[in-house]
Amino acid sequence: MAKKSKSKFDPEVFLAKADGGVAISKYEKDQVVFTQGEPADSIFYIREGRVKIAVVSDQGKEAVVAFLKAGDFIGEGCLTGRPRHVSTAMALEDSIITRVDKSTMVRMLRDQPNFSELFMAHLLARTIRVEADLVDQLFNSSEKRLARALPLLANFGKDGKQEPVIAKVSQETLADMIGTTRSRVSHFMNKFRQLGYIDYNGDLEVHSSLLDAVLHEKPLIKRK
């Protein structure tokens, strides 16, 4: 007797059927989802698009914390009792995002094991990414940090998929992301283009050869 195939849990369908406390909204490019310092009372699920997470210091300096994409959650800190957002979330491109009230999210996590498992997997993945970013900042040069960041932005290695063409990301944003200056990013981007790792002319296309160089720790030097 053939076994029945287990259907994959679809968070979008699950959230769309929620009994109150859920709203789906469209965000245009550069539109703010939430702002640092605002009350934190909801979790957001990215259905489509990309979102930049940034923090601004008391001196006004911005640091890019992460670039998130479809399938990621943001604002989950409110579940720990955090009263206000500690970062700002902004759409990098036209996006569709589901907002879930904190009380609704708590109920869903308690009552729906599949959703709880999905959310836990997201939290673990984010924790691993933060740890890797910390090691990157502590031990790698700014050139290697950029070389590592670009394949991540292009989604290489995500469920066997890749999206080599990235929406326009400014050199200032990349500099904030890896903790260096725009001029250094410009120098490295030109070098990567000469090496054949990327195509860069407004839009950015990352080639798998850059991922291979990062994974195998190959020196970022010009090939003969």
N, C-alpha and C. Protein backbone atom coordinates (compact mmCIF):
# COMPACT_ATOMS: atom_id res chain seq x y z
N MET A 1 0.85 -1.20 0.00
CA MET A 1 0.00 0.00 0.00
C MET A 1 0.88 1.24 0.00
N ALA A 2 0.66 2.14 -0.94
CA ALA A 2 1.50 3.32 -1.07
C ALA A 2 1.29 4.27 0.09
N LYS A 3 2.39 4.87 0.54
CA LYS A 3 2.30 5.83 1.64
C LYS A 3 1.82 7.16 1.11
N LYS A 4 1.03 7.83 1.92
CA LYS A 4 0.55 9.14 1.55
C LYS A 4 1.69 10.14 1.72
N SER A 5 1.87 11.00 0.72
CA SER A 5 2.92 12.01 0.81
C SER A 5 2.51 13.10 1.78
N LYS A 6 3.45 13.48 2.62
CA LYS A 6 3.19 14.51 3.62
C LYS A 6 3.28 15.87 2.97
N SER A 7 2.18 16.63 3.00
CA SER A 7 2.16 17.94 2.38
C SER A 7 3.03 18.91 3.18
N LYS A 8 3.74 19.77 2.47
CA LYS A 8 4.62 20.73 3.11
C LYS A 8 3.81 21.85 3.73
N PHE A 9 4.20 22.22 4.95
CA PHE A 9 3.49 23.30 5.65
C PHE A 9 3.75 24.62 4.94
N ASP A 10 2.67 25.34 4.64
CA ASP A 10 2.77 26.62 3.94
C ASP A 10 2.39 27.74 4.90
N PRO A 11 3.36 28.52 5.39
CA PRO A 11 3.05 29.58 6.36
C PRO A 11 2.16 30.67 5.79
N GLU A 12 2.26 30.93 4.49
CA GLU A 12 1.43 31.97 3.89
C GLU A 12 -0.05 31.58 3.94
N VAL A 13 -0.33 30.34 3.61
CA VAL A 13 -1.71 29.85 3.65
C VAL A 13 -2.21 29.84 5.10
N PHE A 14 -1.34 29.38 6.00
CA PHE A 14 -1.72 29.31 7.41
C PHE A 14 -2.04 30.70 7.97
N LEU A 15 -1.19 31.67 7.69
CA LEU A 15 -1.40 33.02 8.20
C LEU A 15 -2.62 33.69 7.57
N ALA A 16 -2.86 33.39 6.30
CA ALA A 16 -4.01 33.98 5.61
C ALA A 16 -5.33 33.50 6.20
N LYS A 17 -5.32 32.32 6.81
CA LYS A 17 -6.54 31.74 7.39
C LYS A 17 -6.69 32.07 8.87
N ALA A 18 -5.79 32.87 9.41
CA ALA A 18 -5.82 33.19 10.84
C ALA A 18 -7.11 33.91 11.21
N ASP A 19 -7.56 33.65 12.41
CA ASP A 19 -8.81 34.25 12.90
C ASP A 19 -8.51 35.55 13.63
N GLY A 20 -8.26 36.60 12.86
CA GLY A 20 -7.98 37.91 13.44
C GLY A 20 -6.53 38.09 13.83
N GLY A 21 -6.13 39.37 13.97
CA GLY A 21 -4.78 39.68 14.41
C GLY A 21 -3.72 39.62 13.34
N VAL A 22 -4.14 39.46 12.07
CA VAL A 22 -3.20 39.34 10.95
C VAL A 22 -3.60 40.30 9.84
N ALA A 23 -2.63 41.02 9.28
CA ALA A 23 -2.89 41.94 8.18
C ALA A 23 -1.77 41.83 7.15
N ILE A 24 -2.14 41.79 5.88
CA ILE A 24 -1.17 41.70 4.79
C ILE A 24 -1.10 43.07 4.09
N SER A 25 0.11 43.60 3.94
CA SER A 25 0.28 44.92 3.35
C SER A 25 1.36 44.91 2.28
N LYS A 26 1.23 45.82 1.34
CA LYS A 26 2.24 46.02 0.31
C LYS A 26 3.11 47.20 0.71
N TYR A 27 4.40 47.06 0.51
CA TYR A 27 5.35 48.12 0.81
C TYR A 27 6.14 48.44 -0.45
N GLU A 28 6.22 49.71 -0.78
CA GLU A 28 7.01 50.12 -1.93
C GLU A 28 8.48 50.20 -1.55
N LYS A 29 9.33 50.19 -2.56
CA LYS A 29 10.77 50.30 -2.32
C LYS A 29 11.07 51.52 -1.46
N ASP A 30 11.91 51.34 -0.44
CA ASP A 30 12.35 52.38 0.51
C ASP A 30 11.27 52.77 1.53
N GLN A 31 10.15 52.07 1.52
CA GLN A 31 9.12 52.36 2.52
C GLN A 31 9.48 51.67 3.84
N VAL A 32 9.30 52.37 4.95
CA VAL A 32 9.65 51.85 6.27
C VAL A 32 8.56 50.91 6.77
N VAL A 33 8.97 49.76 7.26
CA VAL A 33 8.05 48.79 7.85
C VAL A 33 7.82 49.12 9.32
N PHE A 34 8.90 49.34 10.04
CA PHE A 34 8.84 49.88 11.40
C PHE A 34 10.13 50.62 11.69
N THR A 35 10.08 51.51 12.69
CA THR A 35 11.20 52.39 12.98
C THR A 35 11.77 52.12 14.36
N GLN A 36 13.07 52.24 14.47
CA GLN A 36 13.76 52.10 15.74
C GLN A 36 13.14 53.04 16.78
N GLY A 37 12.78 52.49 17.94
CA GLY A 37 12.18 53.30 19.00
C GLY A 37 10.67 53.22 19.06
N GLU A 38 10.04 52.73 17.99
CA GLU A 38 8.58 52.58 17.99
C GLU A 38 8.17 51.41 18.89
N PRO A 39 6.94 51.44 19.43
CA PRO A 39 6.45 50.31 20.23
C PRO A 39 6.52 49.01 19.43
N ALA A 40 7.00 47.96 20.07
CA ALA A 40 7.12 46.65 19.42
C ALA A 40 5.98 45.77 19.90
N ASP A 41 4.98 45.59 19.05
CA ASP A 41 3.81 44.82 19.44
C ASP A 41 3.38 43.81 18.38
N SER A 42 4.24 43.61 17.36
CA SER A 42 3.88 42.71 16.27
C SER A 42 5.13 42.03 15.71
N ILE A 43 4.89 40.91 15.03
CA ILE A 43 5.92 40.20 14.27
C ILE A 43 5.53 40.30 12.81
N PHE A 44 6.52 40.38 11.93
CA PHE A 44 6.27 40.53 10.51
C PHE A 44 6.87 39.36 9.74
N TYR A 45 6.12 38.87 8.77
CA TYR A 45 6.57 37.76 7.92
C TYR A 45 6.67 38.28 6.49
N ILE A 46 7.86 38.15 5.89
CA ILE A 46 8.07 38.64 4.53
C ILE A 46 7.56 37.61 3.53
N ARG A 47 6.50 37.94 2.83
CA ARG A 47 5.95 37.05 1.81
C ARG A 47 6.69 37.20 0.49
N GLU A 48 6.94 38.45 0.11
CA GLU A 48 7.67 38.73 -1.13
C GLU A 48 8.57 39.94 -0.89
N GLY A 49 9.73 39.94 -1.57
CA GLY A 49 10.61 41.10 -1.50
C GLY A 49 11.78 40.92 -0.57
N ARG A 50 12.44 42.04 -0.29
CA ARG A 50 13.62 42.07 0.58
C ARG A 50 13.50 43.25 1.54
N VAL A 51 14.09 43.07 2.72
CA VAL A 51 14.01 44.10 3.76
C VAL A 51 15.38 44.32 4.37
N LYS A 52 15.73 45.58 4.56
CA LYS A 52 16.99 45.93 5.22
C LYS A 52 16.72 46.25 6.69
N ILE A 53 17.54 45.68 7.57
CA ILE A 53 17.45 45.97 8.99
C ILE A 53 18.67 46.80 9.38
N ALA A 54 18.44 47.99 9.96
CA ALA A 54 19.54 48.88 10.31
C ALA A 54 19.32 49.47 11.70
N VAL A 55 20.43 49.83 12.32
CA VAL A 55 20.40 50.45 13.64
C VAL A 55 21.15 51.78 13.56
N VAL A 56 20.61 52.80 14.22
CA VAL A 56 21.24 54.12 14.24
C VAL A 56 21.70 54.42 15.66
N SER A 57 22.97 54.81 15.80
CA SER A 57 23.52 55.12 17.11
C SER A 57 23.04 56.48 17.59
N ASP A 58 23.34 56.80 18.84
CA ASP A 58 22.97 58.11 19.40
C ASP A 58 23.67 59.24 18.65
N GLN A 59 24.80 58.92 18.04
CA GLN A 59 25.55 59.93 17.27
C GLN A 59 25.06 60.04 15.83
N GLY A 60 24.06 59.23 15.47
CA GLY A 60 23.48 59.30 14.14
C GLY A 60 24.13 58.41 13.11
N LYS A 61 25.05 57.54 13.52
CA LYS A 61 25.71 56.64 12.56
C LYS A 61 24.86 55.40 12.37
N GLU A 62 24.62 55.04 11.10
CA GLU A 62 23.80 53.87 10.78
C GLU A 62 24.66 52.65 10.53
N ALA A 63 24.23 51.52 11.04
CA ALA A 63 24.89 50.24 10.78
C ALA A 63 23.85 49.27 10.26
N VAL A 64 24.13 48.64 9.13
CA VAL A 64 23.21 47.66 8.56
C VAL A 64 23.43 46.33 9.27
N VAL A 65 22.37 45.81 9.87
CA VAL A 65 22.44 44.57 10.63
C VAL A 65 22.22 43.36 9.75
N ALA A 66 21.25 43.45 8.82
CA ALA A 66 20.94 42.29 7.99
C ALA A 66 20.11 42.69 6.79
N PHE A 67 20.16 41.85 5.77
CA PHE A 67 19.25 41.91 4.64
C PHE A 67 18.41 40.64 4.69
N LEU A 68 17.10 40.79 4.80
CA LEU A 68 16.21 39.63 4.90
C LEU A 68 15.36 39.51 3.66
N LYS A 69 14.83 38.31 3.44
CA LYS A 69 14.10 38.04 2.20
C LYS A 69 12.84 37.24 2.49
N ALA A 70 12.14 36.90 1.42
CA ALA A 70 10.88 36.15 1.55
C ALA A 70 11.11 34.88 2.37
N GLY A 71 10.21 34.65 3.34
CA GLY A 71 10.33 33.50 4.21
C GLY A 71 10.91 33.83 5.56
N ASP A 72 11.43 35.06 5.73
CA ASP A 72 12.02 35.47 7.01
C ASP A 72 10.99 36.22 7.86
N PHE A 73 11.20 36.16 9.18
CA PHE A 73 10.42 36.95 10.13
C PHE A 73 11.26 38.12 10.61
N ILE A 74 10.60 39.21 10.98
CA ILE A 74 11.28 40.35 11.60
C ILE A 74 10.42 40.86 12.75
N GLY A 75 11.07 41.51 13.71
CA GLY A 75 10.35 42.06 14.85
C GLY A 75 10.06 41.05 15.94
N GLU A 76 10.72 39.88 15.88
CA GLU A 76 10.40 38.82 16.84
C GLU A 76 10.85 39.14 18.26
N GLY A 77 11.64 40.20 18.43
CA GLY A 77 12.11 40.59 19.76
C GLY A 77 10.99 40.93 20.72
N CYS A 78 9.83 41.31 20.19
CA CYS A 78 8.71 41.66 21.08
C CYS A 78 8.24 40.46 21.89
N LEU A 79 8.51 39.25 21.39
CA LEU A 79 8.09 38.04 22.12
C LEU A 79 8.88 37.84 23.41
N THR A 80 10.02 38.52 23.53
CA THR A 80 10.84 38.41 24.74
C THR A 80 10.48 39.48 25.76
N GLY A 81 9.49 40.31 25.43
CA GLY A 81 9.09 41.39 26.32
C GLY A 81 9.73 42.72 25.98
N ARG A 82 10.47 42.77 24.90
CA ARG A 82 11.09 44.03 24.47
C ARG A 82 10.00 45.02 24.09
N PRO A 83 9.94 46.18 24.75
CA PRO A 83 8.82 47.10 24.51
C PRO A 83 8.91 47.91 23.22
N ARG A 84 10.14 48.13 22.72
CA ARG A 84 10.30 48.96 21.53
C ARG A 84 11.28 48.31 20.55
N HIS A 85 11.11 48.66 19.29
CA HIS A 85 12.01 48.14 18.27
C HIS A 85 13.40 48.74 18.46
N VAL A 86 14.42 47.91 18.35
CA VAL A 86 15.81 48.38 18.49
C VAL A 86 16.45 48.61 17.14
N SER A 87 15.68 48.45 16.07
CA SER A 87 16.20 48.67 14.72
C SER A 87 15.10 49.19 13.83
N THR A 88 15.47 49.58 12.63
CA THR A 88 14.52 50.04 11.62
C THR A 88 14.51 49.06 10.47
N ALA A 89 13.32 48.72 10.00
CA ALA A 89 13.16 47.81 8.86
C ALA A 89 12.63 48.60 7.67
N MET A 90 13.30 48.47 6.54
CA MET A 90 12.91 49.21 5.32
C MET A 90 12.91 48.27 4.13
N ALA A 91 11.89 48.38 3.28
CA ALA A 91 11.80 47.55 2.08
C ALA A 91 12.87 47.98 1.07
N LEU A 92 13.66 47.01 0.62
CA LEU A 92 14.68 47.28 -0.40
C LEU A 92 14.09 47.27 -1.80
N GLU A 93 12.92 46.66 -1.93
CA GLU A 93 12.20 46.59 -3.19
C GLU A 93 10.73 46.44 -2.86
N ASP A 94 9.87 46.52 -3.85
CA ASP A 94 8.44 46.33 -3.59
C ASP A 94 8.24 44.98 -2.91
N SER A 95 7.54 45.00 -1.79
CA SER A 95 7.42 43.80 -0.96
C SER A 95 6.00 43.62 -0.45
N ILE A 96 5.69 42.38 -0.11
CA ILE A 96 4.42 42.05 0.55
C ILE A 96 4.75 41.42 1.90
N ILE A 97 4.24 42.02 2.96
CA ILE A 97 4.61 41.60 4.32
C ILE A 97 3.36 41.38 5.16
N THR A 98 3.35 40.29 5.90
CA THR A 98 2.24 39.97 6.80
C THR A 98 2.59 40.42 8.21
N ARG A 99 1.70 41.20 8.81
CA ARG A 99 1.88 41.65 10.19
C ARG A 99 1.01 40.81 11.11
N VAL A 100 1.62 40.27 12.18
CA VAL A 100 0.90 39.41 13.13
C VAL A 100 0.99 40.02 14.52
N ASP A 101 -0.15 40.31 15.13
CA ASP A 101 -0.16 40.84 16.50
C ASP A 101 0.56 39.89 17.44
N LYS A 102 1.21 40.45 18.44
CA LYS A 102 1.97 39.64 19.40
C LYS A 102 1.10 38.56 20.04
N SER A 103 -0.09 38.92 20.50
CA SER A 103 -0.96 37.94 21.16
C SER A 103 -1.38 36.83 20.21
N THR A 104 -1.63 37.19 18.95
CA THR A 104 -1.99 36.20 17.94
C THR A 104 -0.82 35.27 17.66
N MET A 105 0.38 35.84 17.59
CA MET A 105 1.58 35.04 17.33
C MET A 105 1.80 34.03 18.47
N VAL A 106 1.64 34.47 19.70
CA VAL A 106 1.82 33.59 20.85
C VAL A 106 0.82 32.43 20.78
N ARG A 107 -0.42 32.74 20.43
CA ARG A 107 -1.46 31.70 20.33
C ARG A 107 -1.12 30.71 19.22
N MET A 108 -0.68 31.21 18.08
CA MET A 108 -0.33 30.34 16.95
C MET A 108 0.84 29.41 17.29
N LEU A 109 1.84 29.96 17.95
CA LEU A 109 3.00 29.15 18.32
C LEU A 109 2.62 28.05 19.31
N ARG A 110 1.65 28.34 20.15
CA ARG A 110 1.20 27.37 21.14
C ARG A 110 0.31 26.30 20.53
N ASP A 111 -0.54 26.69 19.58
CA ASP A 111 -1.56 25.78 19.07
C ASP A 111 -1.18 25.05 17.78
N GLN A 112 -0.20 25.55 17.05
CA GLN A 112 0.14 24.96 15.76
C GLN A 112 1.59 24.49 15.74
N PRO A 113 1.85 23.22 15.98
CA PRO A 113 3.22 22.70 16.03
C PRO A 113 4.03 22.95 14.76
N ASN A 114 3.40 22.82 13.60
CA ASN A 114 4.14 23.04 12.35
C ASN A 114 4.63 24.47 12.22
N PHE A 115 3.77 25.40 12.61
CA PHE A 115 4.15 26.81 12.57
C PHE A 115 5.24 27.10 13.60
N SER A 116 5.09 26.52 14.77
CA SER A 116 6.10 26.69 15.82
C SER A 116 7.45 26.14 15.38
N GLU A 117 7.45 25.00 14.69
CA GLU A 117 8.69 24.40 14.19
C GLU A 117 9.34 25.30 13.14
N LEU A 118 8.52 25.87 12.26
CA LEU A 118 9.04 26.77 11.23
C LEU A 118 9.67 28.00 11.87
N PHE A 119 9.00 28.57 12.85
CA PHE A 119 9.51 29.77 13.51
C PHE A 119 10.80 29.47 14.27
N MET A 120 10.86 28.33 14.92
CA MET A 120 12.06 27.94 15.65
C MET A 120 13.25 27.76 14.69
N ALA A 121 12.98 27.17 13.54
CA ALA A 121 14.04 26.99 12.53
C ALA A 121 14.57 28.35 12.08
N HIS A 122 13.66 29.33 11.93
CA HIS A 122 14.06 30.68 11.56
C HIS A 122 14.96 31.28 12.63
N LEU A 123 14.58 31.14 13.90
CA LEU A 123 15.37 31.72 14.99
C LEU A 123 16.76 31.10 15.05
N LEU A 124 16.84 29.77 14.87
CA LEU A 124 18.13 29.10 14.91
C LEU A 124 19.01 29.56 13.75
N ALA A 125 18.41 29.69 12.56
CA ALA A 125 19.16 30.13 11.39
C ALA A 125 19.70 31.54 11.60
N ARG A 126 18.88 32.41 12.19
CA ARG A 126 19.31 33.78 12.46
C ARG A 126 20.44 33.80 13.47
N THR A 127 20.35 32.96 14.50
CA THR A 127 21.40 32.90 15.52
C THR A 127 22.72 32.47 14.91
N ILE A 128 22.66 31.44 14.06
CA ILE A 128 23.88 30.96 13.40
C ILE A 128 24.47 32.05 12.51
N ARG A 129 23.60 32.77 11.82
CA ARG A 129 24.06 33.85 10.93
C ARG A 129 24.72 34.96 11.74
N VAL A 130 24.14 35.33 12.87
CA VAL A 130 24.71 36.39 13.71
C VAL A 130 26.08 35.98 14.23
N GLU A 131 26.21 34.73 14.66
CA GLU A 131 27.50 34.24 15.14
C GLU A 131 28.55 34.27 14.03
N ALA A 132 28.15 33.85 12.84
CA ALA A 132 29.07 33.87 11.70
C ALA A 132 29.48 35.30 11.35
N ASP A 133 28.53 36.24 11.42
CA ASP A 133 28.83 37.64 11.14
C ASP A 133 29.81 38.20 12.16
N LEU A 134 29.64 37.81 13.43
CA LEU A 134 30.54 38.28 14.48
C LEU A 134 31.96 37.78 14.24
N VAL A 135 32.09 36.50 13.92
CA VAL A 135 33.41 35.94 13.61
C VAL A 135 34.01 36.65 12.39
N ASP A 136 33.15 36.92 11.41
CA ASP A 136 33.58 37.60 10.19
C ASP A 136 34.17 38.97 10.52
N GLN A 137 33.47 39.73 11.38
CA GLN A 137 33.91 41.07 11.75
C GLN A 137 35.20 41.03 12.56
N LEU A 138 35.35 40.00 13.40
CA LEU A 138 36.50 39.93 14.29
C LEU A 138 37.78 39.49 13.59
N PHE A 139 37.66 38.56 12.63
CA PHE A 139 38.85 37.90 12.10
C PHE A 139 39.12 38.12 10.61
N ASN A 140 38.14 38.58 9.85
CA ASN A 140 38.35 38.70 8.41
C ASN A 140 38.57 40.15 8.00
N SER A 141 39.30 40.34 6.90
CA SER A 141 39.50 41.67 6.36
C SER A 141 38.20 42.17 5.73
N SER A 142 38.13 43.47 5.49
CA SER A 142 36.92 44.04 4.88
C SER A 142 36.68 43.47 3.49
N GLU A 143 37.76 43.13 2.77
CA GLU A 143 37.61 42.53 1.44
C GLU A 143 36.94 41.16 1.55
N LYS A 144 37.38 40.35 2.50
CA LYS A 144 36.77 39.03 2.67
C LYS A 144 35.34 39.14 3.19
N ARG A 145 35.07 40.15 4.02
CA ARG A 145 33.71 40.34 4.51
C ARG A 145 32.77 40.68 3.36
N LEU A 146 33.24 41.51 2.43
CA LEU A 146 32.42 41.84 1.26
C LEU A 146 32.24 40.61 0.38
N ALA A 147 33.31 39.85 0.19
CA ALA A 147 33.23 38.63 -0.64
C ALA A 147 32.25 37.64 -0.04
N ARG A 148 32.14 37.59 1.27
CA ARG A 148 31.19 36.70 1.93
C ARG A 148 29.77 37.25 1.86
N ALA A 149 29.64 38.57 1.95
CA ALA A 149 28.31 39.18 2.00
C ALA A 149 27.58 39.10 0.66
N LEU A 150 28.30 39.24 -0.44
CA LEU A 150 27.65 39.29 -1.75
C LEU A 150 26.92 37.99 -2.11
N PRO A 151 27.52 36.79 -1.93
CA PRO A 151 26.76 35.57 -2.20
C PRO A 151 25.55 35.40 -1.28
N LEU A 152 25.66 35.89 -0.03
CA LEU A 152 24.52 35.81 0.87
C LEU A 152 23.37 36.68 0.36
N LEU A 153 23.71 37.85 -0.14
CA LEU A 153 22.70 38.73 -0.71
C LEU A 153 22.04 38.11 -1.93
N ALA A 154 22.82 37.32 -2.66
CA ALA A 154 22.31 36.69 -3.88
C ALA A 154 21.60 35.37 -3.62
N ASN A 155 21.48 35.00 -2.34
CA ASN A 155 20.74 33.79 -1.94
C ASN A 155 21.40 32.51 -2.39
N PHE A 156 22.70 32.51 -2.69
CA PHE A 156 23.37 31.27 -3.06
C PHE A 156 23.32 30.31 -1.88
N GLY A 157 22.99 29.05 -2.18
CA GLY A 157 22.98 28.02 -1.14
C GLY A 157 21.69 27.94 -0.37
N LYS A 158 20.68 28.74 -0.70
CA LYS A 158 19.40 28.72 -0.01
C LYS A 158 18.48 27.72 -0.68
N ASP A 159 18.33 26.55 -0.07
CA ASP A 159 17.45 25.51 -0.59
C ASP A 159 17.78 25.14 -2.03
N GLY A 160 19.07 25.23 -2.37
CA GLY A 160 19.50 24.84 -3.71
C GLY A 160 19.16 25.86 -4.78
N LYS A 161 18.67 27.01 -4.36
CA LYS A 161 18.27 28.03 -5.32
C LYS A 161 19.30 29.15 -5.32
N GLN A 162 19.25 29.97 -6.36
CA GLN A 162 20.09 31.14 -6.38
C GLN A 162 19.40 32.25 -7.15
N GLU A 163 19.62 33.47 -6.71
CA GLU A 163 19.08 34.64 -7.38
C GLU A 163 20.26 35.58 -7.63
N PRO A 164 21.04 35.32 -8.68
CA PRO A 164 22.28 36.07 -8.86
C PRO A 164 22.09 37.55 -9.13
N VAL A 165 20.95 37.98 -9.63
CA VAL A 165 20.73 39.40 -9.89
C VAL A 165 20.11 40.03 -8.65
N ILE A 166 20.81 40.96 -8.06
CA ILE A 166 20.36 41.59 -6.83
C ILE A 166 19.79 42.96 -7.16
N ALA A 167 18.72 43.34 -6.46
CA ALA A 167 18.19 44.68 -6.62
C ALA A 167 19.29 45.69 -6.29
N LYS A 168 19.20 46.88 -6.83
CA LYS A 168 20.26 47.87 -6.68
C LYS A 168 20.57 48.10 -5.19
N VAL A 169 21.80 47.84 -4.82
CA VAL A 169 22.28 48.06 -3.46
C VAL A 169 23.43 49.04 -3.54
N SER A 170 23.33 50.17 -2.85
CA SER A 170 24.36 51.19 -2.96
C SER A 170 25.65 50.76 -2.29
N GLN A 171 26.74 51.33 -2.72
CA GLN A 171 28.03 51.05 -2.10
C GLN A 171 28.05 51.54 -0.65
N GLU A 172 27.30 52.61 -0.37
CA GLU A 172 27.21 53.09 1.00
C GLU A 172 26.57 52.04 1.90
N THR A 173 25.52 51.38 1.38
CA THR A 173 24.85 50.34 2.16
C THR A 173 25.77 49.15 2.39
N LEU A 174 26.49 48.75 1.35
CA LEU A 174 27.44 47.64 1.49
C LEU A 174 28.54 48.00 2.50
N ALA A 175 28.99 49.26 2.46
CA ALA A 175 30.02 49.70 3.40
C ALA A 175 29.51 49.63 4.83
N ASP A 176 28.26 50.07 5.05
CA ASP A 176 27.66 49.99 6.39
C ASP A 176 27.54 48.54 6.83
N MET A 177 27.23 47.68 5.90
CA MET A 177 27.00 46.28 6.22
C MET A 177 28.27 45.58 6.70
N ILE A 178 29.41 45.89 6.09
CA ILE A 178 30.64 45.18 6.43
C ILE A 178 31.58 46.01 7.29
N GLY A 179 31.19 47.25 7.62
CA GLY A 179 31.99 48.06 8.52
C GLY A 179 33.24 48.64 7.90
N THR A 180 33.10 49.26 6.71
CA THR A 180 34.25 49.91 6.08
C THR A 180 33.75 51.15 5.35
N THR A 181 34.60 51.75 4.51
CA THR A 181 34.22 52.97 3.81
C THR A 181 33.71 52.67 2.41
N ARG A 182 32.97 53.62 1.84
CA ARG A 182 32.45 53.43 0.49
C ARG A 182 33.58 53.31 -0.52
N SER A 183 34.66 54.07 -0.33
CA SER A 183 35.78 54.01 -1.27
C SER A 183 36.44 52.63 -1.28
N ARG A 184 36.51 51.99 -0.11
CA ARG A 184 37.08 50.64 -0.05
C ARG A 184 36.16 49.65 -0.76
N VAL A 185 34.86 49.80 -0.57
CA VAL A 185 33.90 48.93 -1.25
C VAL A 185 34.03 49.10 -2.75
N SER A 186 34.14 50.34 -3.21
CA SER A 186 34.28 50.61 -4.64
C SER A 186 35.53 49.92 -5.20
N HIS A 187 36.63 50.01 -4.45
CA HIS A 187 37.88 49.36 -4.87
C HIS A 187 37.70 47.85 -4.98
N PHE A 188 37.07 47.23 -3.97
CA PHE A 188 36.89 45.78 -3.97
C PHE A 188 35.93 45.34 -5.07
N MET A 189 34.87 46.13 -5.29
CA MET A 189 33.89 45.77 -6.32
C MET A 189 34.54 45.78 -7.70
N ASN A 190 35.38 46.78 -7.95
CA ASN A 190 36.09 46.84 -9.23
C ASN A 190 37.03 45.64 -9.38
N LYS A 191 37.67 45.27 -8.29
CA LYS A 191 38.58 44.12 -8.31
C LYS A 191 37.80 42.84 -8.59
N PHE A 192 36.66 42.64 -7.91
CA PHE A 192 35.86 41.44 -8.11
C PHE A 192 35.34 41.37 -9.54
N ARG A 193 35.01 42.54 -10.11
CA ARG A 193 34.53 42.56 -11.50
C ARG A 193 35.64 42.15 -12.45
N GLN A 194 36.86 42.64 -12.21
CA GLN A 194 37.99 42.28 -13.05
C GLN A 194 38.31 40.79 -12.95
N LEU A 195 38.08 40.21 -11.78
CA LEU A 195 38.34 38.79 -11.58
C LEU A 195 37.24 37.91 -12.18
N GLY A 196 36.14 38.53 -12.60
CA GLY A 196 35.03 37.76 -13.16
C GLY A 196 34.08 37.21 -12.13
N TYR A 197 34.19 37.69 -10.88
CA TYR A 197 33.32 37.20 -9.82
C TYR A 197 31.93 37.86 -9.87
N ILE A 198 31.85 39.08 -10.38
CA ILE A 198 30.58 39.80 -10.42
C ILE A 198 30.48 40.59 -11.72
N ASP A 199 29.26 40.95 -12.07
CA ASP A 199 29.00 41.99 -13.06
C ASP A 199 28.31 43.12 -12.31
N TYR A 200 28.81 44.32 -12.49
CA TYR A 200 28.30 45.43 -11.68
C TYR A 200 28.20 46.68 -12.54
N ASN A 201 26.96 47.06 -12.85
CA ASN A 201 26.71 48.27 -13.63
C ASN A 201 25.34 48.81 -13.23
N GLY A 202 25.27 49.29 -12.00
CA GLY A 202 23.98 49.69 -11.45
C GLY A 202 23.34 48.51 -10.75
N ASP A 203 22.92 47.52 -11.55
CA ASP A 203 22.45 46.25 -10.98
C ASP A 203 23.66 45.37 -10.69
N LEU A 204 23.50 44.45 -9.77
CA LEU A 204 24.61 43.61 -9.35
C LEU A 204 24.28 42.15 -9.61
N GLU A 205 25.18 41.47 -10.33
CA GLU A 205 25.04 40.04 -10.58
C GLU A 205 26.25 39.33 -10.01
N VAL A 206 25.99 38.41 -9.06
CA VAL A 206 27.06 37.67 -8.40
C VAL A 206 27.18 36.30 -9.04
N HIS A 207 28.38 35.92 -9.43
CA HIS A 207 28.61 34.63 -10.06
C HIS A 207 28.98 33.58 -9.01
N SER A 208 28.70 32.34 -9.33
CA SER A 208 28.98 31.25 -8.40
C SER A 208 30.46 31.11 -8.11
N SER A 209 31.32 31.64 -8.98
CA SER A 209 32.77 31.56 -8.76
C SER A 209 33.19 32.30 -7.50
N LEU A 210 32.45 33.36 -7.12
CA LEU A 210 32.76 34.08 -5.88
C LEU A 210 32.42 33.22 -4.68
N LEU A 211 31.29 32.54 -4.74
CA LEU A 211 30.92 31.63 -3.66
C LEU A 211 31.95 30.53 -3.51
N ASP A 212 32.42 30.00 -4.63
CA ASP A 212 33.43 28.95 -4.60
C ASP A 212 34.72 29.46 -3.96
N ALA A 213 35.10 30.70 -4.27
CA ALA A 213 36.31 31.27 -3.68
C ALA A 213 36.17 31.45 -2.18
N VAL A 214 34.97 31.85 -1.73
CA VAL A 214 34.73 32.04 -0.30
C VAL A 214 34.71 30.71 0.43
N LEU A 215 33.98 29.72 -0.12
CA LEU A 215 33.85 28.43 0.55
C LEU A 215 35.18 27.70 0.67
N HIS A 216 36.02 27.84 -0.35
CA HIS A 216 37.30 27.12 -0.35
C HIS A 216 38.46 28.02 0.06
N GLU A 217 38.10 29.23 0.56
CA GLU A 217 39.09 30.16 1.09
C GLU A 217 40.23 30.40 0.09
N LYS A 218 39.83 30.56 -1.17
CA LYS A 218 40.83 30.86 -2.19
C LYS A 218 41.24 32.33 -2.09
N PRO A 219 42.49 32.65 -2.36
CA PRO A 219 42.93 34.06 -2.32
C PRO A 219 42.23 34.86 -3.39
N LEU A 220 41.79 36.08 -3.04
CA LEU A 220 41.06 36.92 -3.98
C LEU A 220 42.06 37.71 -4.81
N ILE A 221 42.73 36.98 -5.69
CA ILE A 221 43.76 37.60 -6.54
C ILE A 221 43.37 37.39 -7.99
N LYS A 222 43.97 38.17 -8.84
CA LYS A 222 43.64 38.10 -10.26
C LYS A 222 44.17 36.82 -10.88
N ARG A 223 43.28 36.16 -11.62
CA ARG A 223 43.67 34.91 -12.29
C ARG A 223 44.51 35.23 -13.52
N LYS A 224 45.51 34.35 -13.79
CA LYS A 224 46.36 34.56 -14.98
C LYS A 224 45.70 33.97 -16.19
